[in-house]
Amino acid sequence: MSKKRSPISTVLAVFVVGAMLVVLLFSRVRSLFRPRYVPIDELKFPVLVVQPEGVPLFAEWDSTPLQKFEEKSPRRPANGSILIDSDFNQFTQENVKRAEEGDIKAIGRFLFPGVMRIKYTFDLRRSKTTGLEALRALIRTAPPFSDDPATDAAMRAGALEQTTMAGVLDALHFIKPPDQPTTSPVMDGPTTEPVEATTIERDPDRPGGAN
């Protein structure tokens, strides 16, 4: 005959199973409310960057210039910045942090001020606001694209007529920069990083030309 289980062991087994179910349920519920962040490599480049505090819009053609910056660059990431990819999906930057550096890089930065770039990390939260019309709304309220009011109005109107990100960037005079090989003086070795996109003024008397 099999030995009967004691009431104490039965209660203990029920308690253990119940506790495991509670932990599993709690973990499941937490996962439902945990922020879901998107890896930057999932964005379709180029992207348009809309920063707070009235910083002019700019574009980037890959992820590296969004993570490495000069010491005093006005394009450094900021919480609340919006990245709009080429599919017109919007992503908000959160948890922006300056990456920690080792002693060697700290010494290199001291010896070569302004030469080495600073790396930042951040999370990207997908926004519920997406689509071409949402992008157009941001362009309408964006800081000036030119110091000349007439040129600014023409650029803004041209961008609002476009239906692709390539067309929008072209209308705003954002030009993809050439790749330039750069060598960091300390430990980094040769790397190839694109320079940041720049805005150019076009001469209306010379179609396609630049001042």
C-alpha atoms as a PDB file:
ATOM      1  CA  MET A   1       0.000   0.000   0.000  1.00  0.00           C
ATOM      2  CA  SER A   2       1.175   3.511  -0.784  1.00  0.00           C
ATOM      3  CA  LYS A   3       1.830   5.821   2.067  1.00  0.00           C
ATOM      4  CA  LYS A   4      -0.756   8.560   2.517  1.00  0.00           C
ATOM      5  CA  ARG A   5       0.546  12.120   2.230  1.00  0.00           C
ATOM      6  CA  SER A   6       0.273  14.067   5.456  1.00  0.00           C
ATOM      7  CA  PRO A   7      -2.044  17.101   5.577  1.00  0.00           C
ATOM      8  CA  ILE A   8       0.945  19.366   6.236  1.00  0.00           C
ATOM      9  CA  SER A   9       2.800  18.246   3.096  1.00  0.00           C
ATOM     10  CA  THR A  10      -0.371  18.646   1.042  1.00  0.00           C
ATOM     11  CA  VAL A  11      -0.916  22.185   2.286  1.00  0.00           C
ATOM     12  CA  LEU A  12       2.757  22.993   1.653  1.00  0.00           C
ATOM     13  CA  ALA A  13       2.579  21.675  -1.918  1.00  0.00           C
ATOM     14  CA  VAL A  14      -0.571  23.701  -2.588  1.00  0.00           C
ATOM     15  CA  PHE A  15       1.120  26.798  -1.145  1.00  0.00           C
ATOM     16  CA  VAL A  16       4.212  26.366  -3.335  1.00  0.00           C
ATOM     17  CA  VAL A  17       2.147  25.881  -6.500  1.00  0.00           C
ATOM     18  CA  GLY A  18      -0.017  28.886  -5.620  1.00  0.00           C
ATOM     19  CA  ALA A  19       3.037  31.071  -4.976  1.00  0.00           C
ATOM     20  CA  MET A  20       4.533  30.067  -8.339  1.00  0.00           C
ATOM     21  CA  LEU A  21       1.299  30.949 -10.122  1.00  0.00           C
ATOM     22  CA  VAL A  22       1.183  34.351  -8.418  1.00  0.00           C
ATOM     23  CA  VAL A  23       4.790  35.130  -9.426  1.00  0.00           C
ATOM     24  CA  LEU A  24       4.117  34.034 -12.999  1.00  0.00           C
ATOM     25  CA  LEU A  25       0.963  36.160 -13.188  1.00  0.00           C
ATOM     26  CA  PHE A  26       2.754  39.196 -11.718  1.00  0.00           C
ATOM     27  CA  SER A  27       5.594  38.849 -14.223  1.00  0.00           C
ATOM     28  CA  ARG A  28       3.102  38.587 -17.067  1.00  0.00           C
ATOM     29  CA  VAL A  29       1.237  41.704 -15.958  1.00  0.00           C
ATOM     30  CA  ARG A  30       4.482  43.675 -15.603  1.00  0.00           C
ATOM     31  CA  SER A  31       5.504  42.767 -19.135  1.00  0.00           C
ATOM     32  CA  LEU A  32       2.262  44.254 -20.439  1.00  0.00           C
ATOM     33  CA  PHE A  33       3.081  47.657 -18.932  1.00  0.00           C
ATOM     34  CA  ARG A  34       6.848  47.605 -19.566  1.00  0.00           C
ATOM     35  CA  PRO A  35       7.922  50.187 -22.184  1.00  0.00           C
ATOM     36  CA  ARG A  36       8.648  48.574 -25.529  1.00  0.00           C
ATOM     37  CA  TYR A  37      11.697  50.149 -27.101  1.00  0.00           C
ATOM     38  CA  VAL A  38      12.785  49.860 -30.718  1.00  0.00           C
ATOM     39  CA  PRO A  39      16.422  49.156 -31.701  1.00  0.00           C
ATOM     40  CA  ILE A  40      17.828  52.005 -33.752  1.00  0.00           C
ATOM     41  CA  ASP A  41      18.794  49.613 -36.542  1.00  0.00           C
ATOM     42  CA  GLU A  42      15.099  48.931 -37.178  1.00  0.00           C
ATOM     43  CA  LEU A  43      14.565  52.493 -38.353  1.00  0.00           C
ATOM     44  CA  LYS A  44      14.486  53.027 -42.106  1.00  0.00           C
ATOM     45  CA  PHE A  45      17.093  55.637 -42.979  1.00  0.00           C
ATOM     46  CA  PRO A  46      17.415  58.476 -43.735  1.00  0.00           C
ATOM     47  CA  VAL A  47      15.635  59.978 -40.759  1.00  0.00           C
ATOM     48  CA  LEU A  48      14.547  63.500 -39.919  1.00  0.00           C
ATOM     49  CA  VAL A  49      15.324  64.655 -36.376  1.00  0.00           C
ATOM     50  CA  VAL A  50      13.082  67.107 -34.523  1.00  0.00           C
ATOM     51  CA  GLN A  51      14.655  68.244 -31.249  1.00  0.00           C
ATOM     52  CA  PRO A  52      13.050  70.341 -28.496  1.00  0.00           C
ATOM     53  CA  GLU A  53      14.087  73.855 -27.490  1.00  0.00           C
ATOM     54  CA  GLY A  54      13.842  75.245 -31.022  1.00  0.00           C
ATOM     55  CA  VAL A  55      16.843  73.407 -32.453  1.00  0.00           C
ATOM     56  CA  PRO A  56      16.712  73.417 -36.287  1.00  0.00           C
ATOM     57  CA  LEU A  57      15.654  70.153 -37.915  1.00  0.00           C
ATOM     58  CA  PHE A  58      18.378  67.999 -39.433  1.00  0.00           C
ATOM     59  CA  ALA A  59      18.684  64.670 -41.219  1.00  0.00           C
ATOM     60  CA  GLU A  60      20.957  61.663 -40.812  1.00  0.00           C
ATOM     61  CA  TRP A  61      21.558  58.801 -43.238  1.00  0.00           C
ATOM     62  CA  ASP A  62      22.726  56.132 -40.769  1.00  0.00           C
ATOM     63  CA  SER A  63      22.748  55.450 -37.037  1.00  0.00           C
ATOM     64  CA  THR A  64      26.357  56.394 -36.195  1.00  0.00           C
ATOM     65  CA  PRO A  65      25.919  60.203 -36.349  1.00  0.00           C
ATOM     66  CA  LEU A  66      22.923  59.833 -34.035  1.00  0.00           C
ATOM     67  CA  GLN A  67      25.116  58.292 -31.339  1.00  0.00           C
ATOM     68  CA  LYS A  68      28.524  59.997 -31.619  1.00  0.00           C
ATOM     69  CA  PHE A  69      28.988  63.750 -31.373  1.00  0.00           C
ATOM     70  CA  GLU A  70      31.538  66.461 -30.859  1.00  0.00           C
ATOM     71  CA  GLU A  71      31.805  67.827 -27.336  1.00  0.00           C
ATOM     72  CA  LYS A  72      29.587  70.889 -27.864  1.00  0.00           C
ATOM     73  CA  SER A  73      27.497  69.750 -30.821  1.00  0.00           C
ATOM     74  CA  PRO A  74      23.952  71.216 -30.763  1.00  0.00           C
ATOM     75  CA  ARG A  75      22.773  67.938 -32.289  1.00  0.00           C
ATOM     76  CA  ARG A  76      23.475  65.848 -29.204  1.00  0.00           C
ATOM     77  CA  PRO A  77      20.476  63.643 -28.341  1.00  0.00           C
ATOM     78  CA  ALA A  78      17.918  64.993 -25.894  1.00  0.00           C
ATOM     79  CA  ASN A  79      14.979  63.412 -24.154  1.00  0.00           C
ATOM     80  CA  GLY A  80      11.845  64.183 -26.098  1.00  0.00           C
ATOM     81  CA  SER A  81      13.502  64.427 -29.508  1.00  0.00           C
ATOM     82  CA  ILE A  82      11.490  62.872 -32.340  1.00  0.00           C
ATOM     83  CA  LEU A  83      13.042  60.733 -35.060  1.00  0.00           C
ATOM     84  CA  ILE A  84      10.967  60.262 -38.207  1.00  0.00           C
ATOM     85  CA  ASP A  85      12.139  57.474 -40.470  1.00  0.00           C
ATOM     86  CA  SER A  86      11.595  57.054 -44.201  1.00  0.00           C
ATOM     87  CA  ASP A  87       8.369  55.116 -43.611  1.00  0.00           C
ATOM     88  CA  PHE A  88       7.072  58.155 -41.658  1.00  0.00           C
ATOM     89  CA  ASN A  89       7.121  56.261 -38.370  1.00  0.00           C
ATOM     90  CA  GLN A  90       7.901  58.471 -35.384  1.00  0.00           C
ATOM     91  CA  PHE A  91      10.113  57.491 -32.451  1.00  0.00           C
ATOM     92  CA  THR A  92      10.769  59.457 -29.262  1.00  0.00           C
ATOM     93  CA  GLN A  93      14.194  59.482 -27.610  1.00  0.00           C
ATOM     94  CA  GLU A  94      14.142  58.534 -23.932  1.00  0.00           C
ATOM     95  CA  ASN A  95      16.705  57.718 -21.234  1.00  0.00           C
ATOM     96  CA  VAL A  96      19.461  59.659 -22.999  1.00  0.00           C
ATOM     97  CA  LYS A  97      22.827  59.089 -21.322  1.00  0.00           C
ATOM     98  CA  ARG A  98      26.416  59.898 -22.067  1.00  0.00           C
ATOM     99  CA  ALA A  99      28.298  56.614 -22.363  1.00  0.00           C
ATOM    100  CA  GLU A 100      30.889  55.878 -19.701  1.00  0.00           C
ATOM    101  CA  GLU A 101      34.514  56.045 -20.790  1.00  0.00           C
ATOM    102  CA  GLY A 102      37.609  54.250 -19.591  1.00  0.00           C
ATOM    103  CA  ASP A 103      40.758  55.932 -18.320  1.00  0.00           C
ATOM    104  CA  ILE A 104      42.512  55.743 -21.691  1.00  0.00           C
ATOM    105  CA  LYS A 105      39.749  57.618 -23.497  1.00  0.00           C
ATOM    106  CA  ALA A 106      39.546  60.159 -20.674  1.00  0.00           C
ATOM    107  CA  ILE A 107      43.282  60.815 -21.043  1.00  0.00           C
ATOM    108  CA  GLY A 108      42.916  61.026 -24.809  1.00  0.00           C
ATOM    109  CA  ARG A 109      40.109  63.556 -24.446  1.00  0.00           C
ATOM    110  CA  PHE A 110      42.320  65.629 -22.127  1.00  0.00           C
ATOM    111  CA  LEU A 111      45.281  65.503 -24.512  1.00  0.00           C
ATOM    112  CA  PHE A 112      43.228  66.085 -27.669  1.00  0.00           C
ATOM    113  CA  PRO A 113      40.303  68.337 -26.662  1.00  0.00           C
ATOM    114  CA  GLY A 114      37.615  68.640 -29.280  1.00  0.00           C
ATOM    115  CA  VAL A 115      38.970  65.787 -31.412  1.00  0.00           C
ATOM    116  CA  MET A 116      37.419  62.635 -29.980  1.00  0.00           C
ATOM    117  CA  ARG A 117      33.677  62.184 -30.299  1.00  0.00           C
ATOM    118  CA  ILE A 118      31.389  61.470 -27.372  1.00  0.00           C
ATOM    119  CA  LYS A 119      29.063  58.501 -27.516  1.00  0.00           C
ATOM    120  CA  TYR A 120      25.504  58.662 -26.218  1.00  0.00           C
ATOM    121  CA  THR A 121      23.005  55.910 -25.554  1.00  0.00           C
ATOM    122  CA  PHE A 122      19.224  56.234 -25.607  1.00  0.00           C
ATOM    123  CA  ASP A 123      16.011  54.280 -26.008  1.00  0.00           C
ATOM    124  CA  LEU A 124      13.499  54.791 -28.800  1.00  0.00           C
ATOM    125  CA  ARG A 125       9.801  54.510 -28.081  1.00  0.00           C
ATOM    126  CA  ARG A 126       7.490  54.089 -31.066  1.00  0.00           C
ATOM    127  CA  SER A 127       4.922  56.864 -31.197  1.00  0.00           C
ATOM    128  CA  LYS A 128       1.268  56.338 -31.959  1.00  0.00           C
ATOM    129  CA  THR A 129       1.524  59.393 -34.208  1.00  0.00           C
ATOM    130  CA  THR A 130       2.712  58.264 -37.636  1.00  0.00           C
ATOM    131  CA  GLY A 131       2.230  58.982 -41.297  1.00  0.00           C
ATOM    132  CA  LEU A 132       2.872  61.699 -43.845  1.00  0.00           C
ATOM    133  CA  GLU A 133       0.326  64.127 -42.407  1.00  0.00           C
ATOM    134  CA  ALA A 134       1.975  63.935 -38.983  1.00  0.00           C
ATOM    135  CA  LEU A 135       5.317  64.812 -40.592  1.00  0.00           C
ATOM    136  CA  ARG A 136       3.740  67.730 -42.438  1.00  0.00           C
ATOM    137  CA  ALA A 137       2.323  69.041 -39.165  1.00  0.00           C
ATOM    138  CA  LEU A 138       5.823  69.093 -37.666  1.00  0.00           C
ATOM    139  CA  ILE A 139       7.252  70.843 -40.719  1.00  0.00           C
ATOM    140  CA  ARG A 140       4.612  73.574 -40.495  1.00  0.00           C
ATOM    141  CA  THR A 141       5.645  74.422 -36.914  1.00  0.00           C
ATOM    142  CA  ALA A 142       9.389  73.750 -37.260  1.00  0.00           C
ATOM    143  CA  PRO A 143      12.008  76.461 -36.607  1.00  0.00           C
ATOM    144  CA  PRO A 144      13.077  78.467 -39.684  1.00  0.00           C
ATOM    145  CA  PHE A 145      14.919  76.572 -42.398  1.00  0.00           C
ATOM    146  CA  SER A 146      16.548  79.786 -43.630  1.00  0.00           C
ATOM    147  CA  ASP A 147      17.290  83.258 -42.279  1.00  0.00           C
ATOM    148  CA  ASP A 148      15.509  84.692 -45.293  1.00  0.00           C
ATOM    149  CA  PRO A 149      11.717  84.575 -44.747  1.00  0.00           C
ATOM    150  CA  ALA A 150      10.955  84.139 -48.438  1.00  0.00           C
ATOM    151  CA  THR A 151      13.411  81.261 -48.790  1.00  0.00           C
ATOM    152  CA  ASP A 152      12.090  79.666 -45.609  1.00  0.00           C
ATOM    153  CA  ALA A 153       8.519  79.855 -46.880  1.00  0.00           C
ATOM    154  CA  ALA A 154       9.518  78.358 -50.248  1.00  0.00           C
ATOM    155  CA  MET A 155      11.404  75.476 -48.619  1.00  0.00           C
ATOM    156  CA  ARG A 156       8.560  74.772 -46.229  1.00  0.00           C
ATOM    157  CA  ALA A 157       5.958  74.835 -49.022  1.00  0.00           C
ATOM    158  CA  GLY A 158       8.090  72.571 -51.196  1.00  0.00           C
ATOM    159  CA  ALA A 159       8.511  70.054 -48.391  1.00  0.00           C
ATOM    160  CA  LEU A 160       4.771  70.002 -47.714  1.00  0.00           C
ATOM    161  CA  GLU A 161       4.124  68.986 -51.317  1.00  0.00           C
ATOM    162  CA  GLN A 162       6.326  65.882 -51.143  1.00  0.00           C
ATOM    163  CA  THR A 163       5.115  62.335 -50.578  1.00  0.00           C
ATOM    164  CA  THR A 164       8.449  60.626 -49.853  1.00  0.00           C
ATOM    165  CA  MET A 165      11.159  61.280 -47.283  1.00  0.00           C
ATOM    166  CA  ALA A 166      13.710  61.694 -50.076  1.00  0.00           C
ATOM    167  CA  GLY A 167      11.553  64.421 -51.590  1.00  0.00           C
ATOM    168  CA  VAL A 168      11.094  66.146 -48.227  1.00  0.00           C
ATOM    169  CA  LEU A 169      14.830  66.193 -47.518  1.00  0.00           C
ATOM    170  CA  ASP A 170      15.589  67.502 -50.987  1.00  0.00           C
ATOM    171  CA  ALA A 171      13.024  70.295 -50.606  1.00  0.00           C
ATOM    172  CA  LEU A 172      14.583  71.262 -47.268  1.00  0.00           C
ATOM    173  CA  HIS A 173      18.060  71.243 -48.873  1.00  0.00           C
ATOM    174  CA  PHE A 174      19.327  68.408 -46.680  1.00  0.00           C
ATOM    175  CA  ILE A 175      22.051  66.720 -48.710  1.00  0.00           C
ATOM    176  CA  LYS A 176      23.574  63.339 -47.917  1.00  0.00           C
ATOM    177  CA  PRO A 177      27.223  63.955 -47.003  1.00  0.00           C
ATOM    178  CA  PRO A 178      30.049  61.893 -48.512  1.00  0.00           C
ATOM    179  CA  ASP A 179      31.702  59.267 -46.337  1.00  0.00           C
ATOM    180  CA  GLN A 180      34.964  60.568 -44.912  1.00  0.00           C
ATOM    181  CA  PRO A 181      37.568  58.286 -43.286  1.00  0.00           C
ATOM    182  CA  THR A 182      38.549  59.564 -39.875  1.00  0.00           C
ATOM    183  CA  THR A 183      41.211  58.295 -37.485  1.00  0.00           C
ATOM    184  CA  SER A 184      40.864  58.832 -33.758  1.00  0.00           C
ATOM    185  CA  PRO A 185      44.205  59.675 -32.092  1.00  0.00           C
ATOM    186  CA  VAL A 186      43.632  57.333 -29.163  1.00  0.00           C
ATOM    187  CA  MET A 187      42.836  53.627 -29.320  1.00  0.00           C
ATOM    188  CA  ASP A 188      39.952  53.814 -31.747  1.00  0.00           C
ATOM    189  CA  GLY A 189      41.987  53.067 -34.869  1.00  0.00           C
ATOM    190  CA  PRO A 190      40.816  53.906 -38.391  1.00  0.00           C
ATOM    191  CA  THR A 191      37.066  54.254 -38.756  1.00  0.00           C
ATOM    192  CA  THR A 192      34.742  55.448 -41.451  1.00  0.00           C
ATOM    193  CA  GLU A 193      31.993  57.745 -40.251  1.00  0.00           C
ATOM    194  CA  PRO A 194      29.735  60.014 -42.308  1.00  0.00           C
ATOM    195  CA  VAL A 195      29.920  63.703 -41.523  1.00  0.00           C
ATOM    196  CA  GLU A 196      26.760  65.430 -40.385  1.00  0.00           C
ATOM    197  CA  ALA A 197      24.262  66.634 -42.957  1.00  0.00           C
ATOM    198  CA  THR A 198      24.304  70.327 -43.752  1.00  0.00           C
ATOM    199  CA  THR A 199      21.738  72.762 -45.050  1.00  0.00           C
ATOM    200  CA  ILE A 200      22.668  74.765 -48.128  1.00  0.00           C
ATOM    201  CA  GLU A 201      21.080  77.815 -49.711  1.00  0.00           C
ATOM    202  CA  ARG A 202      20.253  77.500 -53.402  1.00  0.00           C
ATOM    203  CA  ASP A 203      20.525  80.381 -55.853  1.00  0.00           C
ATOM    204  CA  PRO A 204      17.070  80.869 -57.423  1.00  0.00           C
ATOM    205  CA  ASP A 205      18.750  82.190 -60.597  1.00  0.00           C
ATOM    206  CA  ARG A 206      20.748  78.987 -60.950  1.00  0.00           C
ATOM    207  CA  PRO A 207      18.487  75.910 -60.790  1.00  0.00           C
ATOM    208  CA  GLY A 208      20.177  73.185 -58.783  1.00  0.00           C
ATOM    209  CA  GLY A 209      23.067  75.456 -57.875  1.00  0.00           C
ATOM    210  CA  ALA A 210      24.230  76.587 -54.466  1.00  0.00           C
ATOM    211  CA  ASN A 211      25.501  79.902 -53.203  1.00  0.00           C
END
